[in-house]
Amino acid sequence: MSEATVCIGLQAQVKADCRVLLLGSMPGVASLQEQRYYAHPRNRFWPVLADICGFDVALAYPQRLRALQAAGVGLWDVIGQCKRR
Protein backbone atom coordinates (compact mmCIF):
# COMPACT_ATOMS: atom_id res chain seq x y z
CA MET A 1 0.00 0.00 0.00
CA SER A 2 1.18 3.50 -0.76
CA GLU A 3 1.38 6.16 1.90
CA ALA A 4 -1.53 8.57 2.23
CA THR A 5 -1.07 12.27 1.47
CA VAL A 6 -3.00 14.87 3.42
CA CYS A 7 -4.82 17.19 1.02
CA ILE A 8 -6.03 20.62 2.13
CA GLY A 9 -9.01 22.00 0.22
CA LEU A 10 -9.34 25.37 -1.46
CA GLN A 11 -10.77 28.48 0.14
CA ALA A 12 -14.50 28.95 -0.45
CA GLN A 13 -15.31 31.58 -3.10
CA VAL A 14 -18.61 32.88 -1.75
CA LYS A 15 -19.77 36.48 -1.41
CA ALA A 16 -22.55 37.66 0.90
CA ASP A 17 -24.93 38.25 -2.03
CA CYS A 18 -24.49 34.73 -3.43
CA ARG A 19 -27.73 33.29 -4.84
CA VAL A 20 -26.42 29.94 -6.10
CA LEU A 21 -23.86 27.90 -4.18
CA LEU A 22 -22.14 25.14 -6.15
CA LEU A 23 -20.90 22.52 -3.73
CA GLY A 24 -18.19 19.99 -4.39
CA SER A 25 -16.33 17.56 -2.17
CA MET A 26 -12.54 17.89 -2.53
CA PRO A 27 -10.63 19.40 -5.46
CA GLY A 28 -8.79 17.03 -7.77
CA VAL A 29 -5.04 16.70 -7.98
CA ALA A 30 -4.66 19.30 -10.77
CA SER A 31 -6.82 21.83 -8.91
CA LEU A 32 -4.86 21.38 -5.69
CA GLN A 33 -1.53 21.67 -7.50
CA GLU A 34 -2.61 24.92 -9.18
CA GLN A 35 -4.72 26.16 -6.24
CA ARG A 36 -7.62 26.84 -8.63
CA TYR A 37 -11.10 25.39 -8.77
CA TYR A 38 -11.65 23.05 -11.75
CA ALA A 39 -8.09 23.43 -13.07
CA HIS A 40 -7.87 20.20 -15.07
CA PRO A 41 -7.85 21.21 -18.77
CA ARG A 42 -10.49 18.61 -19.71
CA ASN A 43 -12.91 19.70 -17.01
CA ARG A 44 -16.02 21.25 -18.59
CA PHE A 45 -16.92 23.40 -15.59
CA TRP A 46 -15.50 26.72 -16.80
CA PRO A 47 -16.77 26.49 -20.41
CA VAL A 48 -20.28 25.59 -19.20
CA LEU A 49 -20.42 28.29 -16.51
CA ALA A 50 -18.98 30.88 -18.89
CA ASP A 51 -21.79 30.10 -21.32
CA ILE A 52 -24.48 30.19 -18.61
CA CYS A 53 -23.19 33.34 -16.89
CA GLY A 54 -22.10 35.19 -20.03
CA PHE A 55 -18.37 35.66 -19.57
CA ASP A 56 -15.35 34.77 -21.70
CA VAL A 57 -13.91 31.40 -20.71
CA ALA A 58 -10.47 32.69 -21.74
CA LEU A 59 -10.40 35.18 -18.85
CA ALA A 60 -7.66 34.70 -16.29
CA TYR A 61 -8.70 32.64 -13.28
CA PRO A 62 -9.20 35.60 -10.87
CA GLN A 63 -11.42 37.31 -13.46
CA ARG A 64 -13.47 34.13 -13.95
CA LEU A 65 -14.03 33.95 -10.18
CA ARG A 66 -15.14 37.59 -10.14
CA ALA A 67 -17.48 36.96 -13.09
CA LEU A 68 -19.07 34.02 -11.25
CA GLN A 69 -19.47 36.10 -8.11
CA ALA A 70 -20.98 38.97 -10.13
CA ALA A 71 -23.52 36.44 -11.46
CA GLY A 72 -24.38 35.48 -7.87
CA VAL A 73 -22.58 32.11 -8.01
CA GLY A 74 -20.33 30.82 -5.23
CA LEU A 75 -17.98 27.83 -5.11
CA TRP A 76 -17.24 25.68 -2.10
CA ASP A 77 -15.71 22.24 -1.77
CA VAL A 78 -17.05 21.27 1.63
CA ILE A 79 -14.33 18.80 2.68
CA GLY A 80 -11.64 20.88 4.36
CA GLN A 81 -9.01 18.16 4.27
CA CYS A 82 -8.67 14.48 3.52
CA LYS A 83 -6.10 11.77 3.00
CA ARG A 84 -5.52 10.30 -0.46
CA ARG A 85 -3.41 7.35 -1.43
PDB file of N, CA and C in Angstrom:
ATOM      1  N   MET A   1       0.832  -1.195   0.000  1.00  0.00           N
ATOM      2  CA  MET A   1       0.000   0.000   0.000  1.00  0.00           C
ATOM      3  C   MET A   1       0.867   1.246   0.000  1.00  0.00           C
ATOM      4  N   SER A   2       0.442   2.238  -0.731  1.00  0.00           N
ATOM      5  CA  SER A   2       1.179   3.498  -0.756  1.00  0.00           C
ATOM      6  C   SER A   2       0.776   4.350   0.443  1.00  0.00           C
ATOM      7  N   GLU A   3       1.636   5.286   0.771  1.00  0.00           N
ATOM      8  CA  GLU A   3       1.381   6.162   1.899  1.00  0.00           C
ATOM      9  C   GLU A   3       0.333   7.211   1.521  1.00  0.00           C
ATOM     10  N   ALA A   4      -0.495   7.578   2.478  1.00  0.00           N
ATOM     11  CA  ALA A   4      -1.529   8.572   2.231  1.00  0.00           C
ATOM     12  C   ALA A   4      -0.940   9.976   2.310  1.00  0.00           C
ATOM     13  N   THR A   5      -1.446  10.857   1.471  1.00  0.00           N
ATOM     14  CA  THR A   5      -1.070  12.266   1.468  1.00  0.00           C
ATOM     15  C   THR A   5      -2.234  13.074   2.011  1.00  0.00           C
ATOM     16  N   VAL A   6      -1.956  13.993   2.901  1.00  0.00           N
ATOM     17  CA  VAL A   6      -3.005  14.870   3.418  1.00  0.00           C
ATOM     18  C   VAL A   6      -3.221  15.990   2.411  1.00  0.00           C
ATOM     19  N   CYS A   7      -4.444  16.139   1.975  1.00  0.00           N
ATOM     20  CA  CYS A   7      -4.819  17.186   1.016  1.00  0.00           C
ATOM     21  C   CYS A   7      -5.646  18.242   1.741  1.00  0.00           C
ATOM     22  N   ILE A   8      -5.302  19.487   1.548  1.00  0.00           N
ATOM     23  CA  ILE A   8      -6.028  20.623   2.127  1.00  0.00           C
ATOM     24  C   ILE A   8      -6.829  21.271   1.012  1.00  0.00           C
ATOM     25  N   GLY A   9      -8.130  21.443   1.243  1.00  0.00           N
ATOM     26  CA  GLY A   9      -9.012  21.998   0.223  1.00  0.00           C
ATOM     27  C   GLY A   9      -8.752  23.462  -0.068  1.00  0.00           C
ATOM     28  N   LEU A  10      -9.453  23.973  -1.044  1.00  0.00           N
ATOM     29  CA  LEU A  10      -9.338  25.374  -1.461  1.00  0.00           C
ATOM     30  C   LEU A  10     -10.267  26.255  -0.629  1.00  0.00           C
ATOM     31  N   GLN A  11      -9.925  27.518  -0.562  1.00  0.00           N
ATOM     32  CA  GLN A  11     -10.768  28.481   0.135  1.00  0.00           C
ATOM     33  C   GLN A  11     -12.095  28.642  -0.609  1.00  0.00           C
ATOM     34  N   ALA A  12     -13.187  28.714   0.144  1.00  0.00           N
ATOM     35  CA  ALA A  12     -14.498  28.946  -0.455  1.00  0.00           C
ATOM     36  C   ALA A  12     -14.490  30.290  -1.179  1.00  0.00           C
ATOM     37  N   GLN A  13     -15.178  30.351  -2.303  1.00  0.00           N
ATOM     38  CA  GLN A  13     -15.306  31.579  -3.098  1.00  0.00           C
ATOM     39  C   GLN A  13     -16.785  31.976  -3.089  1.00  0.00           C
ATOM     40  N   VAL A  14     -17.198  32.556  -1.968  1.00  0.00           N
ATOM     41  CA  VAL A  14     -18.614  32.879  -1.753  1.00  0.00           C
ATOM     42  C   VAL A  14     -18.707  34.306  -1.223  1.00  0.00           C
ATOM     43  N   LYS A  15     -19.520  35.114  -1.873  1.00  0.00           N
ATOM     44  CA  LYS A  15     -19.774  36.480  -1.405  1.00  0.00           C
ATOM     45  C   LYS A  15     -21.115  36.501  -0.674  1.00  0.00           C
ATOM     46  N   ALA A  16     -21.332  37.542   0.095  1.00  0.00           N
ATOM     47  CA  ALA A  16     -22.546  37.664   0.904  1.00  0.00           C
ATOM     48  C   ALA A  16     -23.820  37.665   0.057  1.00  0.00           C
ATOM     49  N   ASP A  17     -23.734  38.165  -1.173  1.00  0.00           N
ATOM     50  CA  ASP A  17     -24.930  38.249  -2.025  1.00  0.00           C
ATOM     51  C   ASP A  17     -25.094  37.035  -2.946  1.00  0.00           C
ATOM     52  N   CYS A  18     -24.408  35.958  -2.625  1.00  0.00           N
ATOM     53  CA  CYS A  18     -24.486  34.726  -3.431  1.00  0.00           C
ATOM     54  C   CYS A  18     -25.925  34.205  -3.470  1.00  0.00           C
ATOM     55  N   ARG A  19     -26.391  33.853  -4.666  1.00  0.00           N
ATOM     56  CA  ARG A  19     -27.734  33.294  -4.841  1.00  0.00           C
ATOM     57  C   ARG A  19     -27.691  31.799  -5.133  1.00  0.00           C
ATOM     58  N   VAL A  20     -26.590  31.340  -5.733  1.00  0.00           N
ATOM     59  CA  VAL A  20     -26.416  29.936  -6.098  1.00  0.00           C
ATOM     60  C   VAL A  20     -25.069  29.481  -5.542  1.00  0.00           C
ATOM     61  N   LEU A  21     -25.092  28.429  -4.752  1.00  0.00           N
ATOM     62  CA  LEU A  21     -23.860  27.903  -4.183  1.00  0.00           C
ATOM     63  C   LEU A  21     -23.603  26.522  -4.779  1.00  0.00           C
ATOM     64  N   LEU A  22     -22.509  26.410  -5.534  1.00  0.00           N
ATOM     65  CA  LEU A  22     -22.137  25.139  -6.149  1.00  0.00           C
ATOM     66  C   LEU A  22     -21.202  24.411  -5.196  1.00  0.00           C
ATOM     67  N   LEU A  23     -21.648  23.266  -4.716  1.00  0.00           N
ATOM     68  CA  LEU A  23     -20.895  22.515  -3.731  1.00  0.00           C
ATOM     69  C   LEU A  23     -20.187  21.337  -4.367  1.00  0.00           C
ATOM     70  N   GLY A  24     -18.951  21.157  -3.984  1.00  0.00           N
ATOM     71  CA  GLY A  24     -18.188  19.986  -4.387  1.00  0.00           C
ATOM     72  C   GLY A  24     -17.693  19.287  -3.138  1.00  0.00           C
ATOM     73  N   SER A  25     -16.864  18.297  -3.322  1.00  0.00           N
ATOM     74  CA  SER A  25     -16.332  17.564  -2.174  1.00  0.00           C
ATOM     75  C   SER A  25     -14.896  18.009  -1.895  1.00  0.00           C
ATOM     76  N   MET A  26     -13.956  17.545  -2.680  1.00  0.00           N
ATOM     77  CA  MET A  26     -12.537  17.889  -2.531  1.00  0.00           C
ATOM     78  C   MET A  26     -11.980  18.101  -3.928  1.00  0.00           C
ATOM     79  N   PRO A  27     -11.211  19.165  -4.137  1.00  0.00           N
ATOM     80  CA  PRO A  27     -10.627  19.404  -5.458  1.00  0.00           C
ATOM     81  C   PRO A  27      -9.742  18.244  -5.901  1.00  0.00           C
ATOM     82  N   GLY A  28      -9.659  18.053  -7.201  1.00  0.00           N
ATOM     83  CA  GLY A  28      -8.791  17.031  -7.769  1.00  0.00           C
ATOM     84  C   GLY A  28      -7.330  17.424  -7.670  1.00  0.00           C
ATOM     85  N   VAL A  29      -6.482  16.506  -8.074  1.00  0.00           N
ATOM     86  CA  VAL A  29      -5.036  16.704  -7.985  1.00  0.00           C
ATOM     87  C   VAL A  29      -4.607  17.959  -8.738  1.00  0.00           C
ATOM     88  N   ALA A  30      -5.066  18.129  -9.977  1.00  0.00           N
ATOM     89  CA  ALA A  30      -4.664  19.303 -10.772  1.00  0.00           C
ATOM     90  C   ALA A  30      -5.106  20.598 -10.100  1.00  0.00           C
ATOM     91  N   SER A  31      -6.310  20.619  -9.563  1.00  0.00           N
ATOM     92  CA  SER A  31      -6.815  21.828  -8.905  1.00  0.00           C
ATOM     93  C   SER A  31      -6.010  22.156  -7.660  1.00  0.00           C
ATOM     94  N   LEU A  32      -5.661  21.140  -6.882  1.00  0.00           N
ATOM     95  CA  LEU A  32      -4.857  21.381  -5.687  1.00  0.00           C
ATOM     96  C   LEU A  32      -3.450  21.846  -6.049  1.00  0.00           C
ATOM     97  N   GLN A  33      -2.877  21.259  -7.082  1.00  0.00           N
ATOM     98  CA  GLN A  33      -1.533  21.675  -7.502  1.00  0.00           C
ATOM     99  C   GLN A  33      -1.520  23.135  -7.947  1.00  0.00           C
ATOM    100  N   GLU A  34      -2.556  23.546  -8.662  1.00  0.00           N
ATOM    101  CA  GLU A  34      -2.612  24.917  -9.185  1.00  0.00           C
ATOM    102  C   GLU A  34      -3.329  25.888  -8.256  1.00  0.00           C
ATOM    103  N   GLN A  35      -3.948  25.342  -7.180  1.00  0.00           N
ATOM    104  CA  GLN A  35      -4.724  26.157  -6.243  1.00  0.00           C
ATOM    105  C   GLN A  35      -5.808  26.951  -6.960  1.00  0.00           C
ATOM    106  N   ARG A  36      -6.517  26.241  -7.858  1.00  0.00           N
ATOM    107  CA  ARG A  36      -7.620  26.843  -8.627  1.00  0.00           C
ATOM    108  C   ARG A  36      -8.742  25.822  -8.724  1.00  0.00           C
ATOM    109  N   TYR A  37      -9.954  26.271  -8.564  1.00  0.00           N
ATOM    110  CA  TYR A  37     -11.097  25.387  -8.772  1.00  0.00           C
ATOM    111  C   TYR A  37     -11.157  24.934 -10.229  1.00  0.00           C
ATOM    112  N   TYR A  38     -11.430  23.671 -10.422  1.00  0.00           N
ATOM    113  CA  TYR A  38     -11.646  23.055 -11.747  1.00  0.00           C
ATOM    114  C   TYR A  38     -10.512  23.363 -12.723  1.00  0.00           C
ATOM    115  N   ALA A  39      -9.283  23.077 -12.293  1.00  0.00           N
ATOM    116  CA  ALA A  39      -8.089  23.426 -13.075  1.00  0.00           C
ATOM    117  C   ALA A  39      -7.739  22.414 -14.156  1.00  0.00           C
ATOM    118  N   HIS A  40      -8.247  21.195 -14.070  1.00  0.00           N
ATOM    119  CA  HIS A  40      -7.873  20.196 -15.073  1.00  0.00           C
ATOM    120  C   HIS A  40      -8.354  20.672 -16.448  1.00  0.00           C
ATOM    121  N   PRO A  41      -7.496  20.652 -17.459  1.00  0.00           N
ATOM    122  CA  PRO A  41      -7.855  21.209 -18.771  1.00  0.00           C
ATOM    123  C   PRO A  41      -9.045  20.521 -19.447  1.00  0.00           C
ATOM    124  N   ARG A  42      -9.343  19.291 -19.090  1.00  0.00           N
ATOM    125  CA  ARG A  42     -10.486  18.608 -19.710  1.00  0.00           C
ATOM    126  C   ARG A  42     -11.786  18.805 -18.931  1.00  0.00           C
ATOM    127  N   ASN A  43     -11.708  19.469 -17.792  1.00  0.00           N
ATOM    128  CA  ASN A  43     -12.915  19.703 -17.012  1.00  0.00           C
ATOM    129  C   ASN A  43     -13.812  20.691 -17.755  1.00  0.00           C
ATOM    130  N   ARG A  44     -15.069  20.412 -17.831  1.00  0.00           N
ATOM    131  CA  ARG A  44     -16.016  21.249 -18.592  1.00  0.00           C
ATOM    132  C   ARG A  44     -16.648  22.360 -17.747  1.00  0.00           C
ATOM    133  N   PHE A  45     -16.293  22.441 -16.485  1.00  0.00           N
ATOM    134  CA  PHE A  45     -16.923  23.403 -15.594  1.00  0.00           C
ATOM    135  C   PHE A  45     -16.853  24.830 -16.127  1.00  0.00           C
ATOM    136  N   TRP A  46     -15.642  25.318 -16.397  1.00  0.00           N
ATOM    137  CA  TRP A  46     -15.502  26.720 -16.802  1.00  0.00           C
ATOM    138  C   TRP A  46     -16.169  27.029 -18.137  1.00  0.00           C
ATOM    139  N   PRO A  47     -16.050  26.184 -19.173  1.00  0.00           N
ATOM    140  CA  PRO A  47     -16.774  26.490 -20.409  1.00  0.00           C
ATOM    141  C   PRO A  47     -18.297  26.536 -20.226  1.00  0.00           C
ATOM    142  N   VAL A  48     -18.820  25.628 -19.421  1.00  0.00           N
ATOM    143  CA  VAL A  48     -20.277  25.593 -19.200  1.00  0.00           C
ATOM    144  C   VAL A  48     -20.729  26.814 -18.415  1.00  0.00           C
ATOM    145  N   LEU A  49     -20.028  27.130 -17.323  1.00  0.00           N
ATOM    146  CA  LEU A  49     -20.424  28.294 -16.511  1.00  0.00           C
ATOM    147  C   LEU A  49     -20.211  29.603 -17.250  1.00  0.00           C
ATOM    148  N   ALA A  50     -19.177  29.676 -18.079  1.00  0.00           N
ATOM    149  CA  ALA A  50     -18.976  30.883 -18.889  1.00  0.00           C
ATOM    150  C   ALA A  50     -20.156  31.093 -19.823  1.00  0.00           C
ATOM    151  N   ASP A  51     -20.638  30.013 -20.416  1.00  0.00           N
ATOM    152  CA  ASP A  51     -21.790  30.098 -21.315  1.00  0.00           C
ATOM    153  C   ASP A  51     -23.052  30.507 -20.552  1.00  0.00           C
ATOM    154  N   ILE A  52     -23.288  29.902 -19.409  1.00  0.00           N
ATOM    155  CA  ILE A  52     -24.485  30.189 -18.612  1.00  0.00           C
ATOM    156  C   ILE A  52     -24.450  31.619 -18.072  1.00  0.00           C
ATOM    157  N   CYS A  53     -23.298  32.041 -17.568  1.00  0.00           N
ATOM    158  CA  CYS A  53     -23.194  33.336 -16.893  1.00  0.00           C
ATOM    159  C   CYS A  53     -22.777  34.474 -17.816  1.00  0.00           C
ATOM    160  N   GLY A  54     -22.395  34.152 -19.049  1.00  0.00           N
ATOM    161  CA  GLY A  54     -22.105  35.187 -20.031  1.00  0.00           C
ATOM    162  C   GLY A  54     -20.752  35.855 -19.904  1.00  0.00           C
ATOM    163  N   PHE A  55     -19.714  35.087 -19.576  1.00  0.00           N
ATOM    164  CA  PHE A  55     -18.370  35.664 -19.570  1.00  0.00           C
ATOM    165  C   PHE A  55     -17.462  34.848 -20.474  1.00  0.00           C
ATOM    166  N   ASP A  56     -16.316  35.401 -20.795  1.00  0.00           N
ATOM    167  CA  ASP A  56     -15.355  34.768 -21.696  1.00  0.00           C
ATOM    168  C   ASP A  56     -14.556  33.717 -20.931  1.00  0.00           C
ATOM    169  N   VAL A  57     -14.621  32.494 -21.371  1.00  0.00           N
ATOM    170  CA  VAL A  57     -13.909  31.401 -20.707  1.00  0.00           C
ATOM    171  C   VAL A  57     -12.398  31.601 -20.736  1.00  0.00           C
ATOM    172  N   ALA A  58     -11.904  32.443 -21.631  1.00  0.00           N
ATOM    173  CA  ALA A  58     -10.465  32.692 -21.742  1.00  0.00           C
ATOM    174  C   ALA A  58      -9.953  33.693 -20.706  1.00  0.00           C
ATOM    175  N   LEU A  59     -10.841  34.250 -19.899  1.00  0.00           N
ATOM    176  CA  LEU A  59     -10.395  35.178 -18.855  1.00  0.00           C
ATOM    177  C   LEU A  59      -9.423  34.476 -17.918  1.00  0.00           C
ATOM    178  N   ALA A  60      -8.556  35.245 -17.315  1.00  0.00           N
ATOM    179  CA  ALA A  60      -7.663  34.701 -16.290  1.00  0.00           C
ATOM    180  C   ALA A  60      -8.499  34.208 -15.110  1.00  0.00           C
ATOM    181  N   TYR A  61      -7.958  33.254 -14.378  1.00  0.00           N
ATOM    182  CA  TYR A  61      -8.701  32.636 -13.278  1.00  0.00           C
ATOM    183  C   TYR A  61      -9.317  33.646 -12.297  1.00  0.00           C
ATOM    184  N   PRO A  62      -8.577  34.640 -11.798  1.00  0.00           N
ATOM    185  CA  PRO A  62      -9.198  35.600 -10.869  1.00  0.00           C
ATOM    186  C   PRO A  62     -10.388  36.333 -11.489  1.00  0.00           C
ATOM    187  N   GLN A  63     -10.298  36.625 -12.780  1.00  0.00           N
ATOM    188  CA  GLN A  63     -11.415  37.310 -13.459  1.00  0.00           C
ATOM    189  C   GLN A  63     -12.614  36.370 -13.617  1.00  0.00           C
ATOM    190  N   ARG A  64     -12.360  35.097 -13.869  1.00  0.00           N
ATOM    191  CA  ARG A  64     -13.470  34.129 -13.949  1.00  0.00           C
ATOM    192  C   ARG A  64     -14.179  34.023 -12.600  1.00  0.00           C
ATOM    193  N   LEU A  65     -13.401  33.992 -11.513  1.00  0.00           N
ATOM    194  CA  LEU A  65     -14.025  33.950 -10.183  1.00  0.00           C
ATOM    195  C   LEU A  65     -14.886  35.188  -9.947  1.00  0.00           C
ATOM    196  N   ARG A  66     -14.363  36.355 -10.315  1.00  0.00           N
ATOM    197  CA  ARG A  66     -15.139  37.592 -10.145  1.00  0.00           C
ATOM    198  C   ARG A  66     -16.407  37.572 -10.995  1.00  0.00           C
ATOM    199  N   ALA A  67     -16.309  37.039 -12.216  1.00  0.00           N
ATOM    200  CA  ALA A  67     -17.481  36.961 -13.089  1.00  0.00           C
ATOM    201  C   ALA A  67     -18.543  36.038 -12.492  1.00  0.00           C
ATOM    202  N   LEU A  68     -18.112  34.913 -11.921  1.00  0.00           N
ATOM    203  CA  LEU A  68     -19.068  34.017 -11.253  1.00  0.00           C
ATOM    204  C   LEU A  68     -19.735  34.738 -10.089  1.00  0.00           C
ATOM    205  N   GLN A  69     -18.930  35.400  -9.267  1.00  0.00           N
ATOM    206  CA  GLN A  69     -19.473  36.100  -8.113  1.00  0.00           C
ATOM    207  C   GLN A  69     -20.423  37.215  -8.541  1.00  0.00           C
ATOM    208  N   ALA A  70     -20.097  37.916  -9.621  1.00  0.00           N
ATOM    209  CA  ALA A  70     -20.981  38.972 -10.133  1.00  0.00           C
ATOM    210  C   ALA A  70     -22.311  38.395 -10.601  1.00  0.00           C
ATOM    211  N   ALA A  71     -22.291  37.129 -11.038  1.00  0.00           N
ATOM    212  CA  ALA A  71     -23.518  36.444 -11.463  1.00  0.00           C
ATOM    213  C   ALA A  71     -24.249  35.817 -10.273  1.00  0.00           C
ATOM    214  N   GLY A  72     -23.725  36.014  -9.069  1.00  0.00           N
ATOM    215  CA  GLY A  72     -24.378  35.481  -7.875  1.00  0.00           C
ATOM    216  C   GLY A  72     -24.053  34.022  -7.593  1.00  0.00           C
ATOM    217  N   VAL A  73     -22.956  33.520  -8.161  1.00  0.00           N
ATOM    218  CA  VAL A  73     -22.578  32.114  -8.007  1.00  0.00           C
ATOM    219  C   VAL A  73     -21.372  32.015  -7.088  1.00  0.00           C
ATOM    220  N   GLY A  74     -21.441  31.092  -6.132  1.00  0.00           N
ATOM    221  CA  GLY A  74     -20.328  30.823  -5.234  1.00  0.00           C
ATOM    222  C   GLY A  74     -19.840  29.397  -5.391  1.00  0.00           C
ATOM    223  N   LEU A  75     -18.591  29.162  -5.039  1.00  0.00           N
ATOM    224  CA  LEU A  75     -17.981  27.834  -5.109  1.00  0.00           C
ATOM    225  C   LEU A  75     -17.483  27.431  -3.729  1.00  0.00           C
ATOM    226  N   TRP A  76     -17.740  26.170  -3.369  1.00  0.00           N
ATOM    227  CA  TRP A  76     -17.240  25.680  -2.099  1.00  0.00           C
ATOM    228  C   TRP A  76     -17.120  24.178  -2.147  1.00  0.00           C
ATOM    229  N   ASP A  77     -15.926  23.667  -1.968  1.00  0.00           N
ATOM    230  CA  ASP A  77     -15.712  22.236  -1.771  1.00  0.00           C
ATOM    231  C   ASP A  77     -15.719  22.013  -0.270  1.00  0.00           C
ATOM    232  N   VAL A  78     -16.719  21.300   0.215  1.00  0.00           N
ATOM    233  CA  VAL A  78     -17.052  21.268   1.635  1.00  0.00           C
ATOM    234  C   VAL A  78     -16.114  20.421   2.493  1.00  0.00           C
ATOM    235  N   ILE A  79     -15.279  19.580   1.891  1.00  0.00           N
ATOM    236  CA  ILE A  79     -14.327  18.804   2.678  1.00  0.00           C
ATOM    237  C   ILE A  79     -13.068  19.654   2.859  1.00  0.00           C
ATOM    238  N   GLY A  80     -12.772  20.017   4.085  1.00  0.00           N
ATOM    239  CA  GLY A  80     -11.640  20.882   4.360  1.00  0.00           C
ATOM    240  C   GLY A  80     -10.295  20.210   4.160  1.00  0.00           C
ATOM    241  N   GLN A  81     -10.232  18.930   4.515  1.00  0.00           N
ATOM    242  CA  GLN A  81      -9.009  18.162   4.273  1.00  0.00           C
ATOM    243  C   GLN A  81      -9.341  16.685   4.266  1.00  0.00           C
ATOM    244  N   CYS A  82      -8.487  15.936   3.601  1.00  0.00           N
ATOM    245  CA  CYS A  82      -8.674  14.482   3.524  1.00  0.00           C
ATOM    246  C   CYS A  82      -7.324  13.838   3.277  1.00  0.00           C
ATOM    247  N   LYS A  83      -7.297  12.524   3.340  1.00  0.00           N
ATOM    248  CA  LYS A  83      -6.100  11.766   2.998  1.00  0.00           C
ATOM    249  C   LYS A  83      -6.379  10.998   1.721  1.00  0.00           C
ATOM    250  N   ARG A  84      -5.425  11.052   0.802  1.00  0.00           N
ATOM    251  CA  ARG A  84      -5.520  10.302  -0.464  1.00  0.00           C
ATOM    252  C   ARG A  84      -4.299   9.421  -0.610  1.00  0.00           C
ATOM    253  N   ARG A  85      -4.509   8.260  -1.132  1.00  0.00           N
ATOM    254  CA  ARG A  85      -3.407   7.354  -1.426  1.00  0.00           C
ATOM    255  C   ARG A  85      -2.976   7.552  -2.856  1.00  0.00           C
TER     256      ARG A  85
END
